[in-house]
Every structure is written in structure tokens, then in C-alpha cells.
C-alpha atoms as a PDB file:
ATOM      1  CA  MET A   1      15.450 -15.962  -5.862  1.00  0.00           C
ATOM      2  CA  SER A   2      14.968 -13.915  -8.725  1.00  0.00           C
ATOM      3  CA  GLN A   3      15.942  -9.755  -9.411  1.00  0.00           C
ATOM      4  CA  ALA A   4      12.199  -9.346  -9.477  1.00  0.00           C
ATOM      5  CA  GLU A   5      11.574 -11.347  -6.542  1.00  0.00           C
ATOM      6  CA  LEU A   6      14.024  -9.402  -4.303  1.00  0.00           C
ATOM      7  CA  SER A   7      13.186  -6.087  -5.703  1.00  0.00           C
ATOM      8  CA  LEU A   8      10.942  -4.268  -3.374  1.00  0.00           C
ATOM      9  CA  ARG A   9       7.945  -1.986  -4.957  1.00  0.00           C
ATOM     10  CA  GLU A  10       6.902   1.154  -2.655  1.00  0.00           C
ATOM     11  CA  THR A  11       4.099  -0.904  -0.206  1.00  0.00           C
ATOM     12  CA  GLU A  12       6.905  -3.297   0.347  1.00  0.00           C
ATOM     13  CA  LEU A  13       9.483  -0.502   1.604  1.00  0.00           C
ATOM     14  CA  LEU A  14       7.089   1.596   3.521  1.00  0.00           C
ATOM     15  CA  LEU A  15       5.779  -2.095   5.126  1.00  0.00           C
ATOM     16  CA  LEU A  16       9.664  -3.008   6.166  1.00  0.00           C
ATOM     17  CA  GLN A  17       9.091   0.402   8.091  1.00  0.00           C
ATOM     18  CA  ASN A  18       6.194  -0.606   9.660  1.00  0.00           C
ATOM     19  CA  LEU A  19       6.934  -4.364  11.004  1.00  0.00           C
ATOM     20  CA  MET A  20       9.957  -2.987  11.775  1.00  0.00           C
ATOM     21  CA  ARG A  21       8.104   0.156  13.975  1.00  0.00           C
ATOM     22  CA  GLY A  22      10.001   2.493  11.838  1.00  0.00           C
ATOM     23  CA  ASP A  23      10.687   6.917  12.163  1.00  0.00           C
ATOM     24  CA  ASN A  24      11.355   7.289   8.768  1.00  0.00           C
ATOM     25  CA  SER A  25      13.980  10.710   7.826  1.00  0.00           C
ATOM     26  CA  GLY A  26      14.436  10.224   4.209  1.00  0.00           C
ATOM     27  CA  LEU A  27      12.785   9.338   0.493  1.00  0.00           C
ATOM     28  CA  ASP A  28      13.744   9.301  -3.064  1.00  0.00           C
ATOM     29  CA  TYR A  29      11.259   9.071  -5.288  1.00  0.00           C
ATOM     30  CA  GLU A  30      12.033   8.179  -8.818  1.00  0.00           C
ATOM     31  CA  GLU A  31       9.741   6.619 -12.442  1.00  0.00           C
ATOM     32  CA  PHE A  32       8.093  10.036 -12.691  1.00  0.00           C
ATOM     33  CA  ARG A  33       5.266   9.913 -15.286  1.00  0.00           C
ATOM     34  CA  ASP A  34       7.080  13.426 -15.902  1.00  0.00           C
ATOM     35  CA  SER A  35       9.866  12.391 -18.067  1.00  0.00           C
ATOM     36  CA  ASN A  36      11.425  15.472 -17.039  1.00  0.00           C
ATOM     37  CA  VAL A  37      11.136  15.044 -13.563  1.00  0.00           C
ATOM     38  CA  ASN A  38      14.186  12.142 -12.704  1.00  0.00           C
ATOM     39  CA  THR A  39      14.515  11.645  -9.330  1.00  0.00           C
ATOM     40  CA  ALA A  40      12.959  13.577  -5.856  1.00  0.00           C
ATOM     41  CA  ARG A  41      15.237  13.352  -2.348  1.00  0.00           C
ATOM     42  CA  TYR A  42      14.241  14.417   0.545  1.00  0.00           C
ATOM     43  CA  ARG A  43      15.519  14.066   3.840  1.00  0.00           C
ATOM     44  CA  GLY A  44      13.706  14.051   7.534  1.00  0.00           C
ATOM     45  CA  ASP A  45      14.153  14.437  11.446  1.00  0.00           C
ATOM     46  CA  ARG A  46      13.022  10.863  11.763  1.00  0.00           C
ATOM     47  CA  ALA A  47      10.711  13.216  14.883  1.00  0.00           C
ATOM     48  CA  GLU A  48       9.115  15.182  12.158  1.00  0.00           C
ATOM     49  CA  SER A  49       6.684  13.614   9.910  1.00  0.00           C
ATOM     50  CA  LEU A  50       8.073  13.753   6.525  1.00  0.00           C
ATOM     51  CA  TYR A  51       6.050  11.749   4.816  1.00  0.00           C
ATOM     52  CA  GLY A  52       2.982  13.202   5.251  1.00  0.00           C
ATOM     53  CA  SER A  53       4.285  16.857   4.742  1.00  0.00           C
ATOM     54  CA  PRO A  54       3.262  18.455   1.836  1.00  0.00           C
ATOM     55  CA  ILE A  55       6.263  19.208  -0.282  1.00  0.00           C
ATOM     56  CA  LEU A  56       6.185  15.337  -0.569  1.00  0.00           C
ATOM     57  CA  GLU A  57       2.731  16.170  -2.643  1.00  0.00           C
ATOM     58  CA  PRO A  58       4.167  16.260  -6.127  1.00  0.00           C
ATOM     59  CA  ALA A  59       6.586  13.538  -5.563  1.00  0.00           C
ATOM     60  CA  ARG A  60       4.019  10.890  -4.214  1.00  0.00           C
ATOM     61  CA  GLU A  61       1.325  11.425  -7.165  1.00  0.00           C
ATOM     62  CA  GLU A  62       3.660  11.742 -10.384  1.00  0.00           C
ATOM     63  CA  GLY A  63       6.341   9.165  -9.114  1.00  0.00           C
ATOM     64  CA  ARG A  64       7.608   6.269  -7.003  1.00  0.00           C
ATOM     65  CA  ILE A  65       9.292   5.275  -3.290  1.00  0.00           C
ATOM     66  CA  THR A  66      12.455   4.080  -4.484  1.00  0.00           C
ATOM     67  CA  GLN A  67      14.236   4.500  -1.333  1.00  0.00           C
ATOM     68  CA  VAL A  68      13.011   4.936   2.419  1.00  0.00           C
ATOM     69  CA  ARG A  69      15.425   5.852   5.103  1.00  0.00           C
ATOM     70  CA  PHE A  70      13.860   5.523   8.279  1.00  0.00           C
ATOM     71  CA  TYR A  71      15.797   5.372  12.715  1.00  0.00           C
ATOM     72  CA  VAL A  72      14.712   2.179  14.861  1.00  0.00           C
ATOM     73  CA  ASP A  73      16.167   2.028  18.456  1.00  0.00           C
ATOM     74  CA  TYR A  74      18.511  -1.285  18.361  1.00  0.00           C
ATOM     75  CA  ASP A  75      19.823  -2.800  21.494  1.00  0.00           C
ATOM     76  CA  ASP A  76      23.229  -4.501  21.433  1.00  0.00           C
ATOM     77  CA  GLY A  77      22.812  -5.535  24.777  1.00  0.00           C
ATOM     78  CA  THR A  78      25.559  -2.944  25.854  1.00  0.00           C
ATOM     79  CA  ILE A  79      23.276  -0.027  25.069  1.00  0.00           C
ATOM     80  CA  GLU A  80      20.137   1.113  23.203  1.00  0.00           C
ATOM     81  CA  LYS A  81      21.492   3.608  20.070  1.00  0.00           C
ATOM     82  CA  PRO A  82      19.768   4.514  16.951  1.00  0.00           C
ATOM     83  CA  VAL A  83      20.497   3.077  13.930  1.00  0.00           C
ATOM     84  CA  GLN A  84      19.130   4.603  10.929  1.00  0.00           C
ATOM     85  CA  VAL A  85      18.190   2.200   8.179  1.00  0.00           C
ATOM     86  CA  ARG A  86      18.721   1.756   3.671  1.00  0.00           C
ATOM     87  CA  ALA A  87      16.397  -0.259   1.756  1.00  0.00           C
ATOM     88  CA  TYR A  88      16.286   0.312  -1.633  1.00  0.00           C
ATOM     89  CA  SER A  89      14.139  -0.597  -4.359  1.00  0.00           C
ATOM     90  CA  ASP A  90      16.612  -2.814  -5.764  1.00  0.00           C
ATOM     91  CA  GLY A  91      16.157  -5.284  -2.522  1.00  0.00           C
ATOM     92  CA  HIS A  92      19.449  -3.777  -1.450  1.00  0.00           C
ATOM     93  CA  ILE A  93      19.363  -2.790   2.722  1.00  0.00           C
ATOM     94  CA  SER A  94      22.535  -1.749   4.932  1.00  0.00           C
ATOM     95  CA  THR A  95      22.567   0.095   8.054  1.00  0.00           C
ATOM     96  CA  THR A  96      23.998   2.977   9.366  1.00  0.00           C
ATOM     97  CA  LYS A  97      26.233   1.794  12.044  1.00  0.00           C
ATOM     98  CA  PRO A  98      27.506  -1.671  12.944  1.00  0.00           C
ATOM     99  CA  THR A  99      24.391  -4.977  14.579  1.00  0.00           C
ATOM    100  CA  GLN A 100      24.343  -7.548  15.830  1.00  0.00           C
ATOM    101  CA  GLU A 101      23.404 -11.466  14.410  1.00  0.00           C
ATOM    102  CA  ASP A 102      19.949 -10.490  16.264  1.00  0.00           C
ATOM    103  CA  PHE A 103      18.951  -7.563  14.083  1.00  0.00           C
ATOM    104  CA  LEU A 104      19.659  -9.485  10.894  1.00  0.00           C
ATOM    105  CA  ASN A 105      17.237 -12.141  11.948  1.00  0.00           C
ATOM    106  CA  GLU A 106      14.627  -9.666  12.188  1.00  0.00           C
ATOM    107  CA  LEU A 107      14.905  -8.434   9.049  1.00  0.00           C
ATOM    108  CA  GLU A 108      15.144 -11.617   7.019  1.00  0.00           C
ATOM    109  CA  GLN A 109      11.726 -12.249   9.215  1.00  0.00           C
ATOM    110  CA  HIS A 110      10.446  -9.000   7.600  1.00  0.00           C
ATOM    111  CA  LEU A 111      10.493  -9.213   4.506  1.00  0.00           C
ATOM    112  CA  ALA A 112      10.459 -13.013   4.641  1.00  0.00           C
ATOM    113  CA  ALA A 113       7.369 -12.544   5.609  1.00  0.00           C
ATOM    114  CA  ILE A 114       6.793  -9.448   2.952  1.00  0.00           C
ATOM    115  CA  ARG A 115       7.560 -11.573   0.071  1.00  0.00           C
ATOM    116  CA  GLU A 116       5.035 -13.793   1.073  1.00  0.00           C
ATOM    117  CA  HIS A 117       2.465 -11.643   0.772  1.00  0.00           C
ATOM    118  CA  ARG A 118       3.624  -9.547  -2.031  1.00  0.00           C
ATOM    119  CA  GLU A 119       0.572 -10.468  -4.338  1.00  0.00           C
ATOM    120  CA  PHE A 120      -1.678  -8.563  -1.023  1.00  0.00           C
ATOM    121  CA  LEU A 121       0.657  -5.091  -1.726  1.00  0.00           C
ATOM    122  CA  ASP A 122       0.914  -4.913  -5.808  1.00  0.00           C
ATOM    123  CA  PRO A 123       0.900  -0.096  -4.765  1.00  0.00           C
ATOM    124  CA  LEU A 124      -2.562   0.930  -5.999  1.00  0.00           C
ATOM    125  CA  ASP A 125      -0.666   3.396  -9.298  1.00  0.00           C
ATOM    126  CA  ASP A 126       0.433  -0.318 -10.513  1.00  0.00           C
ATOM    127  CA  LEU A 127      -3.072  -1.770 -10.159  1.00  0.00           C
ATOM    128  CA  ILE A 128      -4.387   1.305 -12.415  1.00  0.00           C
ATOM    129  CA  ASP A 129      -2.199   1.096 -14.389  1.00  0.00           C
ATOM    130  CA  GLU A 130      -3.616  -2.402 -15.574  1.00  0.00           C
ATOM    131  CA  TYR A 131      -6.340  -1.509 -16.455  1.00  0.00           C
ATOM    132  CA  VAL A 132      -6.672   3.248 -17.430  1.00  0.00           C
ATOM    133  CA  TYR A 133      -5.250   3.017 -21.282  1.00  0.00           C
ATOM    134  CA  GLN A 134      -7.406   0.716 -22.873  1.00  0.00           C
ATOM    135  CA  ALA A 135     -10.409   1.592 -20.307  1.00  0.00           C
ATOM    136  CA  PHE A 136      -9.540   5.178 -21.723  1.00  0.00           C
ATOM    137  CA  ARG A 137      -8.853   4.251 -24.669  1.00  0.00           C
ATOM    138  CA  GLY A 138     -10.945   6.404 -27.746  1.00  0.00           C
ATOM    139  CA  SER A 139     -10.948   9.435 -25.765  1.00  0.00           C
ATOM    140  CA  PHE A 140     -10.296  12.806 -27.579  1.00  0.00           C
ATOM    141  CA  ALA A 141      -9.011  14.444 -24.490  1.00  0.00           C
ATOM    142  CA  SER A 142      -7.023  12.289 -21.738  1.00  0.00           C
ATOM    143  CA  PRO A 143      -8.443  11.580 -18.755  1.00  0.00           C
ATOM    144  CA  GLU A 144      -6.346   9.128 -17.814  1.00  0.00           C
ATOM    145  CA  ASP A 145      -4.300  11.405 -15.651  1.00  0.00           C
ATOM    146  CA  ILE A 146      -7.995  12.935 -14.103  1.00  0.00           C
ATOM    147  CA  HIS A 147      -9.058   9.039 -13.490  1.00  0.00           C
ATOM    148  CA  ARG A 148      -5.951   8.340 -12.177  1.00  0.00           C
ATOM    149  CA  GLU A 149      -5.822  11.244  -9.168  1.00  0.00           C
ATOM    150  CA  ARG A 150      -9.092  11.032  -8.583  1.00  0.00           C
ATOM    151  CA  VAL A 151      -9.138   7.910  -7.962  1.00  0.00           C
ATOM    152  CA  ASN A 152      -6.028   7.367  -5.855  1.00  0.00           C
ATOM    153  CA  ARG A 153      -7.678  10.933  -3.559  1.00  0.00           C
ATOM    154  CA  ALA A 154     -11.317   8.236  -3.365  1.00  0.00           C
ATOM    155  CA  PHE A 155      -8.712   5.339  -1.678  1.00  0.00           C
ATOM    156  CA  ARG A 156      -6.608   7.587   0.404  1.00  0.00           C
ATOM    157  CA  ASN A 157      -9.875   9.519   1.621  1.00  0.00           C
ATOM    158  CA  LEU A 158     -11.014   6.099   2.392  1.00  0.00           C
ATOM    159  CA  VAL A 159      -8.474   5.037   4.557  1.00  0.00           C
ATOM    160  CA  SER A 160      -8.797   8.636   6.704  1.00  0.00           C
ATOM    161  CA  ASP A 161     -12.388   7.100   6.796  1.00  0.00           C
ATOM    162  CA  TYR A 162     -10.921   4.048   9.047  1.00  0.00           C
ATOM    163  CA  PHE A 163      -8.071   4.377  10.610  1.00  0.00           C
ATOM    164  CA  ASP A 164      -7.152   7.685  12.560  1.00  0.00           C
ATOM    165  CA  GLU A 165      -4.688   9.775  11.894  1.00  0.00           C
ATOM    166  CA  ASP A 166      -3.538   9.135  15.652  1.00  0.00           C
ATOM    167  CA  ASP A 167      -3.100   5.738  15.698  1.00  0.00           C
ATOM    168  CA  TYR A 168      -1.956   5.394  12.561  1.00  0.00           C
ATOM    169  CA  GLN A 169       1.515   6.484  10.818  1.00  0.00           C
ATOM    170  CA  ASP A 170       0.853   8.252   7.486  1.00  0.00           C
ATOM    171  CA  GLU A 171       3.190   5.955   5.677  1.00  0.00           C
ATOM    172  CA  GLU A 172       1.302   2.627   7.328  1.00  0.00           C
ATOM    173  CA  ARG A 173      -2.670   5.016   5.592  1.00  0.00           C
ATOM    174  CA  HIS A 174      -0.218   4.855   2.849  1.00  0.00           C
ATOM    175  CA  ILE A 175       0.098   0.977   2.224  1.00  0.00           C
ATOM    176  CA  PHE A 176      -4.028  -0.031   3.518  1.00  0.00           C
ATOM    177  CA  GLU A 177      -4.749   2.168   1.007  1.00  0.00           C
ATOM    178  CA  SER A 178      -3.413  -0.629  -2.144  1.00  0.00           C
ATOM    179  CA  ILE A 179      -4.358  -3.569   0.045  1.00  0.00           C
ATOM    180  CA  ILE A 180      -8.066  -2.442   0.293  1.00  0.00           C
ATOM    181  CA  ALA A 181      -7.648  -2.286  -3.668  1.00  0.00           C
ATOM    182  CA  CYS A 182      -6.098  -5.578  -3.735  1.00  0.00           C
ATOM    183  CA  LEU A 183      -8.877  -7.323  -1.354  1.00  0.00           C
ATOM    184  CA  GLY A 184     -11.385  -5.553  -3.051  1.00  0.00           C
ATOM    185  CA  ILE A 185      -9.829  -7.001  -6.743  1.00  0.00           C
ATOM    186  CA  GLU A 186     -10.007 -10.522  -4.600  1.00  0.00           C
ATOM    187  CA  LEU A 187     -13.491 -10.629  -3.133  1.00  0.00           C
ATOM    188  CA  SER A 188     -14.849  -9.643  -6.427  1.00  0.00           C
ATOM    189  CA  ARG A 189     -13.757 -12.520  -8.446  1.00  0.00           C
ATOM    190  CA  LEU A 190     -15.516 -14.637  -5.096  1.00  0.00           C
ATOM    191  CA  ASP A 191     -19.195 -15.324  -5.538  1.00  0.00           C
ATOM    192  CA  LEU A 192     -19.697 -13.275  -1.488  1.00  0.00           C
ATOM    193  CA  THR A 193     -23.003 -14.623  -1.497  1.00  0.00           C
ATOM    194  CA  ALA A 194     -21.944 -18.437  -0.284  1.00  0.00           C
ATOM    195  CA  ASP A 195     -22.584 -18.930   2.876  1.00  0.00           C
ATOM    196  CA  THR A 196     -18.734 -19.860   3.901  1.00  0.00           C
ATOM    197  CA  TYR A 197     -17.793 -16.723   4.303  1.00  0.00           C
ATOM    198  CA  PRO A 198     -18.400 -14.572   6.832  1.00  0.00           C
ATOM    199  CA  ASP A 199     -21.784 -13.524   7.770  1.00  0.00           C
ATOM    200  CA  VAL A 200     -21.736  -9.413   7.249  1.00  0.00           C
ATOM    201  CA  ASP A 201     -24.657  -6.997   7.338  1.00  0.00           C
ATOM    202  CA  GLU A 202     -25.419  -5.762   3.779  1.00  0.00           C
ATOM    203  CA  ASP A 203     -27.262  -2.273   4.673  1.00  0.00           C
ATOM    204  CA  GLU A 204     -23.903  -1.251   6.078  1.00  0.00           C
ATOM    205  CA  MET A 205     -21.146  -0.156   3.628  1.00  0.00           C
ATOM    206  CA  MET A 206     -17.874   2.108   2.753  1.00  0.00           C
ATOM    207  CA  PRO A 207     -18.796   5.480   1.977  1.00  0.00           C
ATOM    208  CA  ARG A 208     -18.656   6.273  -1.711  1.00  0.00           C
ATOM    209  CA  HIS A 209     -16.118   9.134  -2.400  1.00  0.00           C
ATOM    210  CA  GLU A 210     -18.138  10.146  -5.694  1.00  0.00           C
ATOM    211  CA  GLY A 211     -18.151   6.542  -7.030  1.00  0.00           C
ATOM    212  CA  TYR A 212     -14.385   6.030  -7.721  1.00  0.00           C
ATOM    213  CA  ILE A 213     -14.381   3.493  -5.948  1.00  0.00           C
ATOM    214  CA  GLU A 214     -17.167   1.910  -7.225  1.00  0.00           C
ATOM    215  CA  ASP A 215     -15.188   2.439 -10.398  1.00  0.00           C
ATOM    216  CA  PHE A 216     -11.983   1.531 -10.058  1.00  0.00           C
ATOM    217  CA  PHE A 217     -13.556  -2.329  -9.029  1.00  0.00           C
ATOM    218  CA  GLU A 218     -15.430  -2.142 -11.730  1.00  0.00           C
ATOM    219  CA  ASN A 219     -13.249  -0.907 -14.404  1.00  0.00           C
ATOM    220  CA  TYR A 220     -10.508  -3.546 -12.901  1.00  0.00           C
ATOM    221  CA  ALA A 221     -13.207  -6.152 -13.153  1.00  0.00           C
ATOM    222  CA  VAL A 222     -14.095  -5.258 -16.792  1.00  0.00           C
ATOM    223  CA  THR A 223     -10.642  -4.597 -18.004  1.00  0.00           C
ATOM    224  CA  ALA A 224      -8.405  -6.072 -16.588  1.00  0.00           C
ATOM    225  CA  ASP A 225      -9.860  -9.320 -15.821  1.00  0.00           C
ATOM    226  CA  GLY A 226     -12.561  -9.440 -18.473  1.00  0.00           C
ATOM    227  CA  MET A 227     -15.134 -10.230 -15.996  1.00  0.00           C
ATOM    228  CA  THR A 228     -17.918  -9.033 -15.679  1.00  0.00           C
ATOM    229  CA  ARG A 229     -19.391  -6.311 -13.708  1.00  0.00           C
ATOM    230  CA  PRO A 230     -18.932  -7.013  -9.376  1.00  0.00           C
ATOM    231  CA  ASP A 231     -21.269  -6.370  -6.902  1.00  0.00           C
ATOM    232  CA  PHE A 232     -20.530  -3.335  -5.561  1.00  0.00           C
ATOM    233  CA  GLU A 233     -22.951  -3.075  -2.319  1.00  0.00           C
ATOM    234  CA  LEU A 234     -22.055  -6.437  -1.379  1.00  0.00           C
ATOM    235  CA  LEU A 235     -18.290  -6.397  -2.010  1.00  0.00           C
ATOM    236  CA  SER A 236     -18.943  -2.974   0.128  1.00  0.00           C
ATOM    237  CA  SER A 237     -20.159  -4.528   2.736  1.00  0.00           C
ATOM    238  CA  HIS A 238     -17.536  -7.208   2.766  1.00  0.00           C
ATOM    239  CA  LEU A 239     -14.738  -4.711   2.711  1.00  0.00           C
ATOM    240  CA  HIS A 240     -16.602  -1.916   5.397  1.00  0.00           C
ATOM    241  CA  HIS A 241     -16.918  -5.604   7.742  1.00  0.00           C
ATOM    242  CA  MET A 242     -12.859  -5.605   7.551  1.00  0.00           C
ATOM    243  CA  LEU A 243     -12.247  -1.992   7.401  1.00  0.00           C
ATOM    244  CA  GLY A 244     -13.704  -1.565  10.917  1.00  0.00           C
ATOM    245  CA  GLN A 245     -11.502  -3.422  12.797  1.00  0.00           C
ATOM    246  CA  ARG A 246      -8.938  -2.404  14.375  1.00  0.00           C
ATOM    247  CA  TRP A 247      -5.479  -4.637  13.127  1.00  0.00           C
ATOM    248  CA  GLU A 248      -1.986  -4.209  14.661  1.00  0.00           C
ATOM    249  CA  SER A 249      -0.065  -4.002  10.831  1.00  0.00           C
ATOM    250  CA  PRO A 250      -1.045  -3.711   7.356  1.00  0.00           C
ATOM    251  CA  LEU A 251       0.121  -7.687   6.829  1.00  0.00           C
ATOM    252  CA  GLU A 252      -3.062  -8.587   9.408  1.00  0.00           C
ATOM    253  CA  ILE A 253      -5.271  -7.952   7.124  1.00  0.00           C
ATOM    254  CA  ILE A 254      -4.006  -9.587   4.552  1.00  0.00           C
ATOM    255  CA  GLU A 255      -3.725 -12.836   6.747  1.00  0.00           C
ATOM    256  CA  TYR A 256      -7.697 -11.963   7.669  1.00  0.00           C
ATOM    257  CA  ALA A 257      -8.690 -12.020   4.576  1.00  0.00           C
ATOM    258  CA  ILE A 258      -6.502 -14.999   3.734  1.00  0.00           C
ATOM    259  CA  GLU A 259      -8.659 -17.343   6.355  1.00  0.00           C
ATOM    260  CA  GLU A 260     -11.741 -16.004   6.030  1.00  0.00           C
ATOM    261  CA  TYR A 261     -11.982 -15.914   2.425  1.00  0.00           C
ATOM    262  CA  ALA A 262      -9.616 -18.759   1.216  1.00  0.00           C
ATOM    263  CA  LEU A 263      -7.337 -16.263  -0.764  1.00  0.00           C
END
């Protein structure tokens, strides 16, 4: 397996924490767009919502997660104890306390599931990178960062429309932002008028959020994919159909889309 296949992007690091039902206690950010910043590290108590803290907002907007630390309650057969898991972007994973083979097996199963679905886990910022500089090439100003900020905010607000913070962790909601973008791109490549796909109510659509969601899918289709603009209203109805359902984990919505849309 190559280093690229072993590596874990921020969506995959957060998804590993989610699948292991972990409580976040630390985040490292690197790869900042501002070259004057190299690394930002945050540590907290497992009882607090570190990812959702306002203090992380600059790092969330400008950098990428390269390490997550989270606690899980592990029973080794004698006593249940909190174990901190540290997962790194290079694929390296360690724990602060010894664990048995069953813990390692669970970890490997989750990593296998993540890698099986990784084409639907591209971080939203990576997807924006695929078109933003070409789409705005020749502009007198530098609108790329403004566009990126608006698209990220629109997807963040879109997730809030469907996934209540009382039912989903902040980290889990962030994963859904990227999954929605990935699934929307895949669906925009299909002829959604075909009767082989779910029969959705075309009058029911996602909130528009000032058109920035639509801008994202149109820019990606035209610039990154070299396609014509998708029928956004129809695409929106199909995404609304999926987002309106209750999902126990982010992987469930991906598996549903794979099954129903033959992805």
C-alpha cells in the first residue's frame, strides 16, 4: 500500500473518531494558506466540544487538520478505562494505554471502511481547489478566498438545516459538509431524470443559501469536470431527499447513495 493510501485527510481523521464513538481532546492544524503560520495545536478536556469552540475558528478556516486526539471507553475484560487515541495524517495511530487485540481489530475495520469510501470523503476545501483558481483567472481582484469563505459558510449552514447539533457532534457535522459536496458532484454527472433513480418530489429542494451552493456545483461541473452546468433544481431535490433522512453515521448516507444511484 502506498503512502497516499495510508494517509488520512481531515475528513477521514474526524470520521475515525466518529466511528469509534470518541470524544475529541486535541486537534493539530497545518498546511495553512497563510505561509506565515506553520502549525496550530489545541488541547482540551473530553467533556468539552473542542472542535466547535470559537477559538479554533481561524485554524478551521485557514488550515487543515493533521492530527486528532480522542478518548474512547475501552473494556479490556477486567475494567473499563478511558484510552486516548492519537491519529495522524500520515496514517500513524497510537494509544496512551495498552489495549487488546479486539481494540486493534475494531480500529482496522473502521480504517478499512474509511478507505473503501474515501472517494466520497474529499475535503470541501480540496474540491474548491480543483476549480477556484481557474474559474477566477484574469480577475483584477483576488476573489478566490472570498469565494472559498462563502462556499464553506453556505455548506456549514446547509448542514445546520438538516443535522441538529443536539443529535450530531460538531466534528460529525463537518464531515457531512464534505460528503454533501462529494455526493452532489457524483449526482450532477448522472441523468437524474432516469426512472432508475429514487422518485423525489421536485418541488422540495435544499435551502439556497444565497446561491453559493449552486455556484459550487456549477463551477465544479464546468471548470473541474469540463461538463455543462447541471440542473441544480433537480440535483437539489435529490440531495434534499437524502439529507432529510436520519443517518446513524456519515457512512450510511454514502452507502445509501451508492446503492440507490449505482455510484
